[in-house]
Amino acid sequence: MKKVYVLEDLDCANCAAKIENAVGKLEGVNQCKVTFMTQKMILDVEEDKADKVAKEAKKLIKKLEPDVEMREK
């Protein structure tokens, strides 16, 4: 199941890579792709874990990059 999120105030490619690597390691995530230019994160997640993954990803992103807001597209 693919989910698309907007990462508002994502301001550098290094930050995007950090988020992509960290979120990609969460349980239930098959693939995570963060594109700095469009400020989008595309998650391929197991359907039954989608809500849990979204909550964990949001917390993790706040920890890594406090200024970045994750919202569903």
PDB file of N, CA and C in Angstrom:
ATOM      1  N   MET A   1       0.843  -1.176   0.000  1.00  0.00           N
ATOM      2  CA  MET A   1       0.000   0.000   0.000  1.00  0.00           C
ATOM      3  C   MET A   1       0.887   1.237   0.000  1.00  0.00           C
ATOM      4  N   LYS A   2       0.674   2.108  -0.973  1.00  0.00           N
ATOM      5  CA  LYS A   2       1.485   3.321  -1.061  1.00  0.00           C
ATOM      6  C   LYS A   2       0.747   4.491  -0.425  1.00  0.00           C
ATOM      7  N   LYS A   3       1.497   5.248   0.370  1.00  0.00           N
ATOM      8  CA  LYS A   3       0.967   6.453   1.002  1.00  0.00           C
ATOM      9  C   LYS A   3       1.912   7.598   0.655  1.00  0.00           C
ATOM     10  N   VAL A   4       1.350   8.767   0.374  1.00  0.00           N
ATOM     11  CA  VAL A   4       2.156   9.934   0.033  1.00  0.00           C
ATOM     12  C   VAL A   4       1.955  10.998   1.106  1.00  0.00           C
ATOM     13  N   TYR A   5       3.069  11.537   1.573  1.00  0.00           N
ATOM     14  CA  TYR A   5       3.044  12.577   2.600  1.00  0.00           C
ATOM     15  C   TYR A   5       3.845  13.781   2.119  1.00  0.00           C
ATOM     16  N   VAL A   6       3.446  14.958   2.558  1.00  0.00           N
ATOM     17  CA  VAL A   6       4.183  16.182   2.282  1.00  0.00           C
ATOM     18  C   VAL A   6       5.023  16.475   3.521  1.00  0.00           C
ATOM     19  N   LEU A   7       6.290  16.798   3.302  1.00  0.00           N
ATOM     20  CA  LEU A   7       7.185  17.158   4.395  1.00  0.00           C
ATOM     21  C   LEU A   7       7.444  18.658   4.305  1.00  0.00           C
ATOM     22  N   GLU A   8       6.584  19.432   4.970  1.00  0.00           N
ATOM     23  CA  GLU A   8       6.695  20.888   4.916  1.00  0.00           C
ATOM     24  C   GLU A   8       7.948  21.353   5.659  1.00  0.00           C
ATOM     25  N   ASP A   9       8.611  22.352   5.089  1.00  0.00           N
ATOM     26  CA  ASP A   9       9.821  22.955   5.655  1.00  0.00           C
ATOM     27  C   ASP A   9      11.033  22.033   5.643  1.00  0.00           C
ATOM     28  N   LEU A  10      11.030  21.050   4.762  1.00  0.00           N
ATOM     29  CA  LEU A  10      12.217  20.214   4.551  1.00  0.00           C
ATOM     30  C   LEU A  10      13.193  21.086   3.777  1.00  0.00           C
ATOM     31  N   ASP A  11      14.345  21.402   4.382  1.00  0.00           N
ATOM     32  CA  ASP A  11      15.198  22.428   3.778  1.00  0.00           C
ATOM     33  C   ASP A  11      16.561  21.971   3.267  1.00  0.00           C
ATOM     34  N   CYS A  12      16.850  20.669   3.310  1.00  0.00           N
ATOM     35  CA  CYS A  12      18.125  20.239   2.723  1.00  0.00           C
ATOM     36  C   CYS A  12      18.073  18.770   2.295  1.00  0.00           C
ATOM     37  N   ALA A  13      18.884  18.445   1.295  1.00  0.00           N
ATOM     38  CA  ALA A  13      18.906  17.080   0.764  1.00  0.00           C
ATOM     39  C   ALA A  13      19.435  16.099   1.805  1.00  0.00           C
ATOM     40  N   ASN A  14      20.367  16.533   2.649  1.00  0.00           N
ATOM     41  CA  ASN A  14      20.906  15.676   3.698  1.00  0.00           C
ATOM     42  C   ASN A  14      19.813  15.295   4.698  1.00  0.00           C
ATOM     43  N   CYS A  15      18.967  16.252   5.033  1.00  0.00           N
ATOM     44  CA  CYS A  15      17.848  15.990   5.947  1.00  0.00           C
ATOM     45  C   CYS A  15      16.898  14.966   5.323  1.00  0.00           C
ATOM     46  N   ALA A  16      16.649  15.105   4.038  1.00  0.00           N
ATOM     47  CA  ALA A  16      15.770  14.171   3.324  1.00  0.00           C
ATOM     48  C   ALA A  16      16.345  12.761   3.386  1.00  0.00           C
ATOM     49  N   ALA A  17      17.651  12.635   3.197  1.00  0.00           N
ATOM     50  CA  ALA A  17      18.305  11.323   3.236  1.00  0.00           C
ATOM     51  C   ALA A  17      18.229  10.715   4.642  1.00  0.00           C
ATOM     52  N   LYS A  18      18.426  11.555   5.661  1.00  0.00           N
ATOM     53  CA  LYS A  18      18.325  11.071   7.051  1.00  0.00           C
ATOM     54  C   LYS A  18      16.938  10.516   7.336  1.00  0.00           C
ATOM     55  N   ILE A  19      15.919  11.255   6.914  1.00  0.00           N
ATOM     56  CA  ILE A  19      14.529  10.834   7.132  1.00  0.00           C
ATOM     57  C   ILE A  19      14.242   9.553   6.352  1.00  0.00           C
ATOM     58  N   GLU A  20      14.672   9.506   5.100  1.00  0.00           N
ATOM     59  CA  GLU A  20      14.434   8.326   4.262  1.00  0.00           C
ATOM     60  C   GLU A  20      15.046   7.071   4.896  1.00  0.00           C
ATOM     61  N   ASN A  21      16.274   7.178   5.367  1.00  0.00           N
ATOM     62  CA  ASN A  21      16.947   6.026   5.982  1.00  0.00           C
ATOM     63  C   ASN A  21      16.272   5.592   7.277  1.00  0.00           C
ATOM     64  N   ALA A  22      15.940   6.550   8.134  1.00  0.00           N
ATOM     65  CA  ALA A  22      15.350   6.224   9.435  1.00  0.00           C
ATOM     66  C   ALA A  22      13.944   5.643   9.295  1.00  0.00           C
ATOM     67  N   VAL A  23      13.097   6.277   8.494  1.00  0.00           N
ATOM     68  CA  VAL A  23      11.716   5.813   8.322  1.00  0.00           C
ATOM     69  C   VAL A  23      11.706   4.466   7.591  1.00  0.00           C
ATOM     70  N   GLY A  24      12.644   4.278   6.675  1.00  0.00           N
ATOM     71  CA  GLY A  24      12.740   3.024   5.932  1.00  0.00           C
ATOM     72  C   GLY A  24      13.019   1.818   6.817  1.00  0.00           C
ATOM     73  N   LYS A  25      13.559   2.061   8.008  1.00  0.00           N
ATOM     74  CA  LYS A  25      13.888   0.971   8.932  1.00  0.00           C
ATOM     75  C   LYS A  25      12.737   0.614   9.876  1.00  0.00           C
ATOM     76  N   LEU A  26      11.660   1.392   9.847  1.00  0.00           N
ATOM     77  CA  LEU A  26      10.529   1.109  10.731  1.00  0.00           C
ATOM     78  C   LEU A  26       9.864  -0.209  10.336  1.00  0.00           C
ATOM     79  N   GLU A  27       9.351  -0.911  11.336  1.00  0.00           N
ATOM     80  CA  GLU A  27       8.656  -2.175  11.082  1.00  0.00           C
ATOM     81  C   GLU A  27       7.391  -1.919  10.268  1.00  0.00           C
ATOM     82  N   GLY A  28       7.203  -2.697   9.216  1.00  0.00           N
ATOM     83  CA  GLY A  28       6.026  -2.552   8.364  1.00  0.00           C
ATOM     84  C   GLY A  28       6.285  -1.739   7.108  1.00  0.00           C
ATOM     85  N   VAL A  29       7.473  -1.103   7.020  1.00  0.00           N
ATOM     86  CA  VAL A  29       7.812  -0.302   5.848  1.00  0.00           C
ATOM     87  C   VAL A  29       8.554  -1.183   4.845  1.00  0.00           C
ATOM     88  N   ASN A  30       7.999  -1.298   3.640  1.00  0.00           N
ATOM     89  CA  ASN A  30       8.670  -2.044   2.576  1.00  0.00           C
ATOM     90  C   ASN A  30       9.674  -1.149   1.859  1.00  0.00           C
ATOM     91  N   GLN A  31       9.287   0.122   1.661  1.00  0.00           N
ATOM     92  CA  GLN A  31      10.166   1.071   0.987  1.00  0.00           C
ATOM     93  C   GLN A  31       9.782   2.485   1.379  1.00  0.00           C
ATOM     94  N   CYS A  32      10.802   3.335   1.513  1.00  0.00           N
ATOM     95  CA  CYS A  32      10.578   4.752   1.808  1.00  0.00           C
ATOM     96  C   CYS A  32      11.399   5.565   0.821  1.00  0.00           C
ATOM     97  N   LYS A  33      10.760   6.533   0.165  1.00  0.00           N
ATOM     98  CA  LYS A  33      11.451   7.398  -0.790  1.00  0.00           C
ATOM     99  C   LYS A  33      11.103   8.835  -0.448  1.00  0.00           C
ATOM    100  N   VAL A  34      12.129   9.627  -0.106  1.00  0.00           N
ATOM    101  CA  VAL A  34      11.930  11.044   0.189  1.00  0.00           C
ATOM    102  C   VAL A  34      12.575  11.847  -0.935  1.00  0.00           C
ATOM    103  N   THR A  35      11.800  12.743  -1.522  1.00  0.00           N
ATOM    104  CA  THR A  35      12.312  13.601  -2.586  1.00  0.00           C
ATOM    105  C   THR A  35      12.377  15.025  -2.065  1.00  0.00           C
ATOM    106  N   PHE A  36      13.603  15.523  -1.932  1.00  0.00           N
ATOM    107  CA  PHE A  36      13.830  16.861  -1.391  1.00  0.00           C
ATOM    108  C   PHE A  36      13.185  17.950  -2.246  1.00  0.00           C
ATOM    109  N   MET A  37      13.318  17.841  -3.553  1.00  0.00           N
ATOM    110  CA  MET A  37      12.823  18.903  -4.445  1.00  0.00           C
ATOM    111  C   MET A  37      11.309  19.096  -4.348  1.00  0.00           C
ATOM    112  N   THR A  38      10.573  18.019  -4.179  1.00  0.00           N
ATOM    113  CA  THR A  38       9.114  18.125  -4.107  1.00  0.00           C
ATOM    114  C   THR A  38       8.601  18.105  -2.668  1.00  0.00           C
ATOM    115  N   GLN A  39       9.505  17.878  -1.717  1.00  0.00           N
ATOM    116  CA  GLN A  39       9.167  17.771  -0.295  1.00  0.00           C
ATOM    117  C   GLN A  39       8.117  16.685  -0.051  1.00  0.00           C
ATOM    118  N   LYS A  40       8.280  15.553  -0.757  1.00  0.00           N
ATOM    119  CA  LYS A  40       7.334  14.449  -0.610  1.00  0.00           C
ATOM    120  C   LYS A  40       8.034  13.201  -0.099  1.00  0.00           C
ATOM    121  N   MET A  41       7.283  12.427   0.667  1.00  0.00           N
ATOM    122  CA  MET A  41       7.742  11.125   1.123  1.00  0.00           C
ATOM    123  C   MET A  41       6.715  10.103   0.660  1.00  0.00           C
ATOM    124  N   ILE A  42       7.185   9.097  -0.055  1.00  0.00           N
ATOM    125  CA  ILE A  42       6.308   8.024  -0.514  1.00  0.00           C
ATOM    126  C   ILE A  42       6.672   6.772   0.269  1.00  0.00           C
ATOM    127  N   LEU A  43       5.686   6.255   0.981  1.00  0.00           N
ATOM    128  CA  LEU A  43       5.890   5.057   1.787  1.00  0.00           C
ATOM    129  C   LEU A  43       5.142   3.893   1.171  1.00  0.00           C
ATOM    130  N   ASP A  44       5.827   2.784   1.045  1.00  0.00           N
ATOM    131  CA  ASP A  44       5.182   1.532   0.667  1.00  0.00           C
ATOM    132  C   ASP A  44       5.135   0.717   1.952  1.00  0.00           C
ATOM    133  N   VAL A  45       3.933   0.581   2.506  1.00  0.00           N
ATOM    134  CA  VAL A  45       3.779  -0.069   3.809  1.00  0.00           C
ATOM    135  C   VAL A  45       2.812  -1.246   3.746  1.00  0.00           C
ATOM    136  N   GLU A  46       2.952  -2.127   4.723  1.00  0.00           N
ATOM    137  CA  GLU A  46       1.996  -3.218   4.860  1.00  0.00           C
ATOM    138  C   GLU A  46       0.675  -2.598   5.285  1.00  0.00           C
ATOM    139  N   GLU A  47      -0.405  -2.984   4.613  1.00  0.00           N
ATOM    140  CA  GLU A  47      -1.703  -2.323   4.801  1.00  0.00           C
ATOM    141  C   GLU A  47      -2.177  -2.324   6.253  1.00  0.00           C
ATOM    142  N   ASP A  48      -1.991  -3.435   6.950  1.00  0.00           N
ATOM    143  CA  ASP A  48      -2.483  -3.522   8.322  1.00  0.00           C
ATOM    144  C   ASP A  48      -1.639  -2.713   9.311  1.00  0.00           C
ATOM    145  N   LYS A  49      -0.499  -2.195   8.864  1.00  0.00           N
ATOM    146  CA  LYS A  49       0.370  -1.415   9.764  1.00  0.00           C
ATOM    147  C   LYS A  49       0.480   0.047   9.335  1.00  0.00           C
ATOM    148  N   ALA A  50      -0.297   0.469   8.366  1.00  0.00           N
ATOM    149  CA  ALA A  50      -0.170   1.813   7.793  1.00  0.00           C
ATOM    150  C   ALA A  50      -0.352   2.920   8.829  1.00  0.00           C
ATOM    151  N   ASP A  51      -1.373   2.822   9.679  1.00  0.00           N
ATOM    152  CA  ASP A  51      -1.620   3.869  10.671  1.00  0.00           C
ATOM    153  C   ASP A  51      -0.507   3.929  11.711  1.00  0.00           C
ATOM    154  N   LYS A  52      -0.082   2.764  12.167  1.00  0.00           N
ATOM    155  CA  LYS A  52       0.994   2.691  13.163  1.00  0.00           C
ATOM    156  C   LYS A  52       2.294   3.267  12.590  1.00  0.00           C
ATOM    157  N   VAL A  53       2.606   2.906  11.354  1.00  0.00           N
ATOM    158  CA  VAL A  53       3.821   3.397  10.699  1.00  0.00           C
ATOM    159  C   VAL A  53       3.759   4.918  10.558  1.00  0.00           C
ATOM    160  N   ALA A  54       2.618   5.457  10.170  1.00  0.00           N
ATOM    161  CA  ALA A  54       2.470   6.908  10.004  1.00  0.00           C
ATOM    162  C   ALA A  54       2.726   7.636  11.320  1.00  0.00           C
ATOM    163  N   LYS A  55       2.189   7.119  12.416  1.00  0.00           N
ATOM    164  CA  LYS A  55       2.401   7.748  13.730  1.00  0.00           C
ATOM    165  C   LYS A  55       3.866   7.694  14.137  1.00  0.00           C
ATOM    166  N   GLU A  56       4.488   6.526  13.940  1.00  0.00           N
ATOM    167  CA  GLU A  56       5.900   6.374  14.294  1.00  0.00           C
ATOM    168  C   GLU A  56       6.787   7.250  13.414  1.00  0.00           C
ATOM    169  N   ALA A  57       6.467   7.326  12.135  1.00  0.00           N
ATOM    170  CA  ALA A  57       7.253   8.150  11.210  1.00  0.00           C
ATOM    171  C   ALA A  57       7.175   9.616  11.608  1.00  0.00           C
ATOM    172  N   LYS A  58       5.979  10.063  11.973  1.00  0.00           N
ATOM    173  CA  LYS A  58       5.790  11.461  12.369  1.00  0.00           C
ATOM    174  C   LYS A  58       6.648  11.796  13.591  1.00  0.00           C
ATOM    175  N   LYS A  59       6.647  10.892  14.584  1.00  0.00           N
ATOM    176  CA  LYS A  59       7.467  11.094  15.786  1.00  0.00           C
ATOM    177  C   LYS A  59       8.953  11.117  15.449  1.00  0.00           C
ATOM    178  N   LEU A  60       9.360  10.173  14.617  1.00  0.00           N
ATOM    179  CA  LEU A  60      10.765  10.049  14.238  1.00  0.00           C
ATOM    180  C   LEU A  60      11.242  11.288  13.475  1.00  0.00           C
ATOM    181  N   ILE A  61      10.418  11.781  12.566  1.00  0.00           N
ATOM    182  CA  ILE A  61      10.776  12.974  11.795  1.00  0.00           C
ATOM    183  C   ILE A  61      10.905  14.181  12.713  1.00  0.00           C
ATOM    184  N   LYS A  62       9.993  14.324  13.677  1.00  0.00           N
ATOM    185  CA  LYS A  62      10.067  15.436  14.642  1.00  0.00           C
ATOM    186  C   LYS A  62      11.363  15.369  15.456  1.00  0.00           C
ATOM    187  N   LYS A  63      11.784  14.148  15.777  1.00  0.00           N
ATOM    188  CA  LYS A  63      13.020  13.961  16.548  1.00  0.00           C
ATOM    189  C   LYS A  63      14.242  14.336  15.702  1.00  0.00           C
ATOM    190  N   LEU A  64      14.254  13.893  14.429  1.00  0.00           N
ATOM    191  CA  LEU A  64      15.389  14.157  13.540  1.00  0.00           C
ATOM    192  C   LEU A  64      15.432  15.611  13.073  1.00  0.00           C
ATOM    193  N   GLU A  65      14.286  16.119  12.674  1.00  0.00           N
ATOM    194  CA  GLU A  65      14.171  17.467  12.106  1.00  0.00           C
ATOM    195  C   GLU A  65      12.949  18.163  12.709  1.00  0.00           C
ATOM    196  N   PRO A  66      13.129  18.834  13.843  1.00  0.00           N
ATOM    197  CA  PRO A  66      11.988  19.437  14.565  1.00  0.00           C
ATOM    198  C   PRO A  66      11.144  20.427  13.751  1.00  0.00           C
ATOM    199  N   ASP A  67      11.726  21.058  12.738  1.00  0.00           N
ATOM    200  CA  ASP A  67      10.982  22.053  11.952  1.00  0.00           C
ATOM    201  C   ASP A  67      10.126  21.446  10.842  1.00  0.00           C
ATOM    202  N   VAL A  68      10.329  20.169  10.544  1.00  0.00           N
ATOM    203  CA  VAL A  68       9.599  19.516   9.436  1.00  0.00           C
ATOM    204  C   VAL A  68       8.248  19.011   9.922  1.00  0.00           C
ATOM    205  N   GLU A  69       7.202  19.382   9.167  1.00  0.00           N
ATOM    206  CA  GLU A  69       5.836  18.925   9.447  1.00  0.00           C
ATOM    207  C   GLU A  69       5.460  17.869   8.427  1.00  0.00           C
ATOM    208  N   MET A  70       5.034  16.702   8.908  1.00  0.00           N
ATOM    209  CA  MET A  70       4.584  15.642   8.012  1.00  0.00           C
ATOM    210  C   MET A  70       3.062  15.659   7.966  1.00  0.00           C
ATOM    211  N   ARG A  71       2.513  15.766   6.749  1.00  0.00           N
ATOM    212  CA  ARG A  71       1.055  15.689   6.624  1.00  0.00           C
ATOM    213  C   ARG A  71       0.694  14.867   5.396  1.00  0.00           C
ATOM    214  N   GLU A  72      -0.451  14.208   5.481  1.00  0.00           N
ATOM    215  CA  GLU A  72      -0.890  13.364   4.375  1.00  0.00           C
ATOM    216  C   GLU A  72      -1.295  14.229   3.196  1.00  0.00           C
ATOM    217  N   LYS A  73      -0.946  13.772   2.011  1.00  0.00           N
ATOM    218  CA  LYS A  73      -1.289  14.540   0.801  1.00  0.00           C
ATOM    219  C   LYS A  73      -2.709  14.280   0.394  1.00  0.00           C
TER     220      LYS A  73
END
